[in-house]
């Protein structure tokens, strides 16, 4: 079941410059693993040594933050969009 993954500008070089890619998966975990299979390099950028999302990586399914859903186990329906959004920090 295909879903669309939105790739942030900082990671697009891993996807050949694409802003969106289509991958199969029924959970966020499956989708991100398939993203790594299709476009090697994503895994090390998204996950820490314990296999958890890095703290500065936010993932949304249909505009809902997975941290407030079921985390990596969050279900993904066909044709939904999974967005990878790096945290933004700054200040004066």
Protein backbone atom coordinates (compact mmCIF):
# COMPACT_ATOMS: atom_id res chain seq x y z
CA UNK A 1 0.00 0.00 0.00
CA UNK A 2 1.66 3.17 -1.20
CA UNK A 3 1.99 6.34 0.83
CA UNK A 4 3.68 9.61 -0.01
CA UNK A 5 6.67 10.68 2.05
CA UNK A 6 7.49 14.40 2.03
CA UNK A 7 11.24 14.93 2.19
CA UNK A 8 12.67 18.09 3.80
CA UNK A 9 15.10 20.16 1.78
CA UNK A 10 18.04 19.08 3.98
CA UNK A 11 17.53 15.39 3.06
CA UNK A 12 16.50 15.63 -0.59
CA UNK A 13 19.96 14.71 -1.85
CA UNK A 14 19.33 11.22 -0.42
CA UNK A 15 16.20 10.93 -2.59
CA UNK A 16 17.81 12.18 -5.79
CA UNK A 17 16.50 15.69 -5.19
CA UNK A 18 12.86 14.63 -4.90
CA UNK A 19 10.55 16.56 -2.57
CA UNK A 20 8.21 13.54 -2.32
CA UNK A 21 8.64 9.81 -2.83
CA UNK A 22 6.18 6.94 -2.80
CA UNK A 23 6.85 3.94 -0.55
CA UNK A 24 4.88 1.00 0.81
CA UNK A 25 4.08 0.43 4.48
CA UNK A 26 1.21 0.12 6.92
CA UNK A 27 2.93 1.87 9.84
CA UNK A 28 5.35 4.76 10.18
CA UNK A 29 8.10 2.30 11.09
CA UNK A 30 7.52 0.25 7.94
CA UNK A 31 7.36 3.37 5.78
CA UNK A 32 10.65 4.74 7.13
CA UNK A 33 12.36 1.35 6.79
CA UNK A 34 11.21 1.11 3.18
CA UNK A 35 12.43 4.66 2.60
CA UNK A 36 15.89 3.52 3.73
CA UNK A 37 15.72 0.49 1.39
CA UNK A 38 14.80 2.63 -1.61
CA UNK A 39 17.07 5.55 -0.72
CA UNK A 40 20.00 4.47 1.48
CA UNK A 41 21.20 7.02 3.99
CA UNK A 42 17.87 7.98 5.51
CA UNK A 43 18.17 5.50 8.38
CA UNK A 44 21.30 7.01 9.87
CA UNK A 45 19.91 10.51 9.52
CA UNK A 46 16.53 9.70 11.11
CA UNK A 47 17.34 7.11 13.78
CA UNK A 48 19.77 6.97 16.71
CA UNK A 49 21.82 3.91 17.77
CA UNK A 50 18.84 2.52 19.71
CA UNK A 51 16.57 2.64 16.66
CA UNK A 52 14.53 5.56 17.98
CA UNK A 53 13.81 8.72 16.01
CA UNK A 54 16.43 11.34 16.67
CA UNK A 55 15.10 14.05 18.98
CA UNK A 56 15.32 16.73 16.28
CA UNK A 57 13.29 14.71 13.76
CA UNK A 58 9.53 15.20 13.73
CA UNK A 59 7.26 12.91 11.75
CA UNK A 60 3.65 13.66 10.88
CA UNK A 61 0.93 11.44 9.42
CA UNK A 62 -1.82 13.45 7.79
CA UNK A 63 -0.66 16.55 9.71
CA UNK A 64 -0.72 14.75 13.10
CA UNK A 65 2.53 14.48 15.09
CA UNK A 66 3.23 10.77 15.69
CA UNK A 67 4.49 11.61 19.19
CA UNK A 68 0.86 12.24 20.12
CA UNK A 69 -0.36 9.11 18.33
CA UNK A 70 1.32 5.70 18.56
CA UNK A 71 4.85 6.82 17.69
CA UNK A 72 6.57 4.62 15.12
CA UNK A 73 3.67 2.15 15.41
CA UNK A 74 1.22 4.75 14.09
CA UNK A 75 -0.88 3.20 11.31
CA UNK A 76 -0.63 4.65 7.82
CA UNK A 77 -3.49 4.27 5.36
CA UNK A 78 -3.05 3.99 1.60
CA UNK A 79 -2.55 7.36 -0.08
CA UNK A 80 -1.82 9.17 3.20
CA UNK A 81 1.14 11.51 3.48
CA UNK A 82 3.99 11.04 5.93
CA UNK A 83 6.01 14.23 6.44
CA UNK A 84 9.54 14.34 7.83
CA UNK A 85 10.10 17.72 9.47
CA UNK A 86 13.40 18.64 11.10
CA UNK A 87 13.13 20.67 14.28
CA UNK A 88 13.88 24.34 13.91
CA UNK A 89 15.82 26.18 16.59
CA UNK A 90 17.21 29.61 16.85
CA UNK A 91 16.93 32.89 18.55
CA UNK A 92 18.76 36.05 19.22
